[in-house]
């Protein structure tokens, strides 16, 4: 609980990293009263880490997503690392950011899961609406014979033990606090930077990135089931791009 409270109250002072796809820039706020660092999107590096160790409880694995950049004014290197539950989730988090910045994803609905837990008009986070969608989906699957009474019973038993909708109400409350705190802590310069631009002022990707993206799409169409990290590696090698 102490760790949860520590991270929760960090939102009152910390400014999250912001991605502006019209400017093709990323803004990092180092905190401590320092000015935000704004760097070109294509200069940002990302990596996924995996660590494994043995403890008295057995073998444990840890995964993370790292994002790094160089301050264009001082030349100093900066990086942040985000702990992730698994390798695929770490890759998926970066892929969602990359797809957003490259206009491969335009709306949240395009990347929602196919289980019907999000519908038009829902807020962009999990909340009480998620619980009700899940329960309706459970009943529909039972009526259509996809699942049996045992699964339905276990679903209800689990959520009763999990205090029914209370966790979802707490999640919505925390989101509201984070949003309110974020509006207060956002520096004026970063707020101005975050505003949308007229389309004629939108930044364009480099020719190198355009060629690399086309090669990635070609390789993906050739073998859709191949691991995405292997596809990107082959695309870099094929075009002689230095990562």
Protein backbone atom coordinates (compact mmCIF):
# COMPACT_ATOMS: atom_id res chain seq x y z
CA UNK A 1 0.00 0.00 0.00
CA UNK A 2 2.89 2.37 0.80
CA UNK A 3 4.38 1.80 -2.66
CA UNK A 4 0.97 2.39 -4.28
CA UNK A 5 0.53 5.67 -2.40
CA UNK A 6 4.07 6.78 -3.30
CA UNK A 7 3.47 6.30 -7.01
CA UNK A 8 0.01 7.80 -6.81
CA UNK A 9 1.19 11.07 -5.26
CA UNK A 10 4.07 11.34 -7.74
CA UNK A 11 1.44 12.33 -10.30
CA UNK A 12 0.85 15.53 -8.35
CA UNK A 13 4.38 16.71 -9.13
CA UNK A 14 5.65 14.72 -12.12
CA UNK A 15 4.83 15.56 -15.71
CA UNK A 16 4.47 12.51 -17.99
CA UNK A 17 6.35 12.22 -21.26
CA UNK A 18 4.28 13.68 -24.10
CA UNK A 19 4.26 12.61 -27.75
CA UNK A 20 3.17 15.15 -30.39
CA UNK A 21 2.73 13.41 -33.72
CA UNK A 22 1.91 16.56 -35.69
CA UNK A 23 5.20 18.11 -34.64
CA UNK A 24 6.94 14.69 -34.66
CA UNK A 25 8.52 15.61 -31.35
CA UNK A 26 8.70 14.15 -27.87
CA UNK A 27 8.75 16.25 -24.69
CA UNK A 28 10.43 14.91 -21.57
CA UNK A 29 9.99 16.77 -18.29
CA UNK A 30 13.02 16.10 -16.03
CA UNK A 31 11.32 17.66 -12.99
CA UNK A 32 12.94 19.64 -10.24
CA UNK A 33 11.89 22.90 -11.84
CA UNK A 34 13.97 22.20 -14.96
CA UNK A 35 12.67 23.13 -18.40
CA UNK A 36 11.18 20.36 -20.57
CA UNK A 37 13.52 18.70 -23.07
CA UNK A 38 12.00 18.49 -26.54
CA UNK A 39 13.65 16.18 -29.07
CA UNK A 40 12.77 14.98 -32.58
CA UNK A 41 10.72 11.79 -32.62
CA UNK A 42 13.15 10.00 -34.93
CA UNK A 43 16.05 10.62 -32.53
CA UNK A 44 14.40 8.65 -29.72
CA UNK A 45 15.77 5.15 -29.08
CA UNK A 46 13.85 2.30 -27.47
CA UNK A 47 14.84 -1.11 -26.18
CA UNK A 48 13.37 -4.02 -24.25
CA UNK A 49 15.23 -5.62 -21.35
CA UNK A 50 14.95 -9.06 -19.82
CA UNK A 51 16.58 -10.16 -16.57
CA UNK A 52 16.49 -13.53 -14.88
CA UNK A 53 17.66 -14.56 -11.44
CA UNK A 54 17.24 -17.29 -8.85
CA UNK A 55 15.78 -16.58 -5.43
CA UNK A 56 14.57 -18.69 -2.54
CA UNK A 57 11.18 -18.65 -4.27
CA UNK A 58 12.50 -19.96 -7.58
CA UNK A 59 13.56 -18.44 -10.88
CA UNK A 60 12.18 -14.94 -11.44
CA UNK A 61 12.14 -12.92 -14.63
CA UNK A 62 11.83 -9.17 -15.03
CA UNK A 63 11.09 -7.21 -18.18
CA UNK A 64 11.22 -3.54 -19.03
CA UNK A 65 10.86 -0.99 -21.81
CA UNK A 66 13.60 1.60 -22.07
CA UNK A 67 13.36 4.93 -23.90
CA UNK A 68 16.43 7.11 -24.39
CA UNK A 69 17.44 10.33 -26.09
CA UNK A 70 20.22 12.93 -26.22
CA UNK A 71 19.59 16.49 -25.12
CA UNK A 72 20.15 18.54 -28.29
CA UNK A 73 21.42 21.52 -26.25
CA UNK A 74 23.82 19.84 -23.83
CA UNK A 75 24.56 16.54 -25.57
CA UNK A 76 23.73 14.72 -22.33
CA UNK A 77 22.16 11.27 -22.56
CA UNK A 78 18.88 10.61 -20.78
CA UNK A 79 16.78 7.51 -20.47
CA UNK A 80 13.74 6.19 -18.65
CA UNK A 81 12.83 2.56 -18.01
CA UNK A 82 9.34 1.22 -17.45
CA UNK A 83 8.90 -2.15 -15.78
CA UNK A 84 6.59 -4.47 -17.71
CA UNK A 85 4.90 -7.77 -16.78
CA UNK A 86 6.17 -9.60 -19.89
CA UNK A 87 8.22 -9.35 -23.06
CA UNK A 88 5.23 -9.14 -25.39
CA UNK A 89 3.63 -6.42 -23.28
CA UNK A 90 6.86 -4.39 -23.37
CA UNK A 91 7.05 -4.74 -27.15
CA UNK A 92 3.34 -3.95 -27.46
CA UNK A 93 3.65 -0.77 -25.40
CA UNK A 94 6.35 0.60 -27.67
CA UNK A 95 4.52 -0.56 -30.80
CA UNK A 96 1.40 1.33 -29.70
CA UNK A 97 3.46 4.52 -29.28
CA UNK A 98 5.25 4.01 -32.60
CA UNK A 99 2.00 3.33 -34.47
CA UNK A 100 0.42 6.43 -32.95
CA UNK A 101 3.34 8.66 -33.96
CA UNK A 102 3.43 7.25 -37.49
CA UNK A 103 -0.32 7.70 -38.08
CA UNK A 104 -0.84 3.96 -38.40
CA UNK A 105 -3.37 4.28 -35.57
CA UNK A 106 -5.79 7.19 -35.58
CA UNK A 107 -8.29 6.28 -32.88
CA UNK A 108 -8.35 4.27 -29.69
CA UNK A 109 -11.00 1.96 -31.12
CA UNK A 110 -8.54 0.62 -33.71
CA UNK A 111 -6.39 -1.04 -31.07
CA UNK A 112 -9.03 -2.19 -28.59
CA UNK A 113 -9.29 -5.86 -27.78
CA UNK A 114 -11.93 -7.84 -29.69
CA UNK A 115 -13.79 -8.91 -26.53
CA UNK A 116 -16.30 -6.09 -26.52
CA UNK A 117 -15.07 -4.54 -23.25
CA UNK A 118 -15.02 -1.09 -24.83
CA UNK A 119 -17.84 0.52 -26.76
CA UNK A 120 -18.45 3.81 -28.50
CA UNK A 121 -18.79 6.65 -26.03
CA UNK A 122 -16.83 4.94 -23.25
CA UNK A 123 -14.03 6.89 -21.55
CA UNK A 124 -10.47 5.98 -22.60
CA UNK A 125 -9.69 3.87 -19.53
CA UNK A 126 -10.96 0.83 -17.66
CA UNK A 127 -13.72 1.56 -15.19
CA UNK A 128 -17.16 0.47 -14.04
CA UNK A 129 -18.27 0.34 -17.68
CA UNK A 130 -15.62 -2.33 -18.30
CA UNK A 131 -17.13 -4.52 -15.57
CA UNK A 132 -20.66 -4.23 -16.99
CA UNK A 133 -19.46 -4.95 -20.55
CA UNK A 134 -17.63 -8.03 -19.26
CA UNK A 135 -20.71 -9.29 -17.43
CA UNK A 136 -22.94 -8.82 -20.50
CA UNK A 137 -20.38 -10.63 -22.62
CA UNK A 138 -20.29 -13.47 -20.07
CA UNK A 139 -24.10 -13.87 -20.25
CA UNK A 140 -24.06 -13.74 -24.05
CA UNK A 141 -21.42 -16.45 -24.28
CA UNK A 142 -23.43 -18.61 -21.86
CA UNK A 143 -26.64 -18.17 -23.86
CA UNK A 144 -24.84 -19.07 -27.07
CA UNK A 145 -23.28 -22.17 -25.51
CA UNK A 146 -19.66 -21.00 -25.67
CA UNK A 147 -19.15 -21.53 -21.93
CA UNK A 148 -20.84 -23.55 -19.25
CA UNK A 149 -22.39 -22.77 -15.89
CA UNK A 150 -19.13 -23.53 -14.07
CA UNK A 151 -17.31 -20.67 -15.79
CA UNK A 152 -20.17 -18.30 -15.06
CA UNK A 153 -20.17 -19.32 -11.41
CA UNK A 154 -16.40 -18.89 -11.13
CA UNK A 155 -16.62 -15.45 -12.73
CA UNK A 156 -19.18 -14.28 -10.18
CA UNK A 157 -17.28 -15.89 -7.30
CA UNK A 158 -14.05 -14.18 -8.32
CA UNK A 159 -15.63 -10.74 -8.57
CA UNK A 160 -17.49 -11.16 -5.27
CA UNK A 161 -14.16 -11.96 -3.59
CA UNK A 162 -12.66 -8.99 -5.44
CA UNK A 163 -15.29 -6.66 -3.89
CA UNK A 164 -17.49 -6.52 -7.03
CA UNK A 165 -17.25 -3.06 -8.64
CA UNK A 166 -15.25 -1.34 -5.89
CA UNK A 167 -11.86 -1.78 -7.67
CA UNK A 168 -13.33 -0.23 -10.83
CA UNK A 169 -14.69 2.74 -8.89
CA UNK A 170 -11.25 3.19 -7.29
CA UNK A 171 -9.63 3.08 -10.74
CA UNK A 172 -11.96 5.81 -12.00
CA UNK A 173 -11.26 7.93 -8.93
CA UNK A 174 -7.51 7.59 -9.43
CA UNK A 175 -7.80 8.54 -13.11
CA UNK A 176 -9.73 11.69 -12.17
CA UNK A 177 -7.06 12.64 -9.60
CA UNK A 178 -4.27 12.04 -12.12
CA UNK A 179 -6.01 14.09 -14.79
CA UNK A 180 -6.64 16.95 -12.38
CA UNK A 181 -3.07 16.89 -11.09
CA UNK A 182 -1.71 16.72 -14.63
CA UNK A 183 -3.49 19.91 -15.62
CA UNK A 184 -1.99 21.69 -12.63
CA UNK A 185 1.61 20.51 -13.11
CA UNK A 186 1.88 21.02 -16.88
CA UNK A 187 4.26 23.96 -17.53
CA UNK A 188 2.90 26.80 -19.62
CA UNK A 189 5.54 26.26 -22.33
CA UNK A 190 4.64 22.58 -22.60
CA UNK A 191 0.94 23.38 -22.66
CA UNK A 192 1.50 25.66 -25.64
CA UNK A 193 3.68 23.02 -27.33
CA UNK A 194 0.90 20.45 -26.86
CA UNK A 195 -1.67 22.39 -28.87
CA UNK A 196 -2.65 21.01 -32.32
CA UNK A 197 -1.17 22.52 -35.49
CA UNK A 198 -2.80 23.37 -38.81
CA UNK A 199 -2.31 20.48 -41.22
CA UNK A 200 -0.04 22.50 -43.50
CA UNK A 201 2.40 22.83 -40.56
CA UNK A 202 2.59 19.12 -39.78
CA UNK A 203 6.13 17.74 -39.80
CA UNK A 204 7.00 15.06 -42.34
CA UNK A 205 8.95 11.83 -41.73
CA UNK A 206 12.45 11.54 -43.13
CA UNK A 207 13.04 9.75 -46.43
CA UNK A 208 15.05 7.10 -44.58
CA UNK A 209 12.13 6.33 -42.27
CA UNK A 210 9.70 6.21 -45.19
CA UNK A 211 11.90 3.64 -46.96
CA UNK A 212 12.33 1.61 -43.77
CA UNK A 213 8.58 1.60 -43.05
CA UNK A 214 7.85 0.42 -46.60
CA UNK A 215 10.37 -2.41 -46.22
CA UNK A 216 8.84 -3.45 -42.89
CA UNK A 217 5.37 -3.59 -44.46
CA UNK A 218 6.73 -5.65 -47.35
CA UNK A 219 8.34 -8.17 -45.02
CA UNK A 220 5.23 -8.34 -42.86
CA UNK A 221 3.02 -9.08 -45.86
CA UNK A 222 5.46 -11.79 -46.94
CA UNK A 223 5.32 -13.54 -43.55
CA UNK A 224 2.57 -12.09 -41.26
CA UNK A 225 3.31 -14.51 -38.41
CA UNK A 226 6.97 -13.63 -38.05
CA UNK A 227 8.10 -11.89 -34.87
CA UNK A 228 8.01 -8.13 -35.33
CA UNK A 229 11.49 -7.62 -33.85
CA UNK A 230 12.94 -9.96 -36.48
CA UNK A 231 11.11 -8.09 -39.23
CA UNK A 232 12.55 -4.75 -38.12
CA UNK A 233 16.04 -6.24 -37.82
CA UNK A 234 15.89 -7.63 -41.37
CA UNK A 235 14.55 -4.32 -42.69
CA UNK A 236 17.46 -2.45 -41.11
CA UNK A 237 20.01 -4.88 -42.52
CA UNK A 238 18.41 -4.93 -45.96
CA UNK A 239 18.49 -1.14 -46.31
CA UNK A 240 21.82 -0.66 -44.57
CA UNK A 241 20.26 1.48 -41.85
CA UNK A 242 22.26 1.94 -38.65
CA UNK A 243 19.94 1.48 -35.66
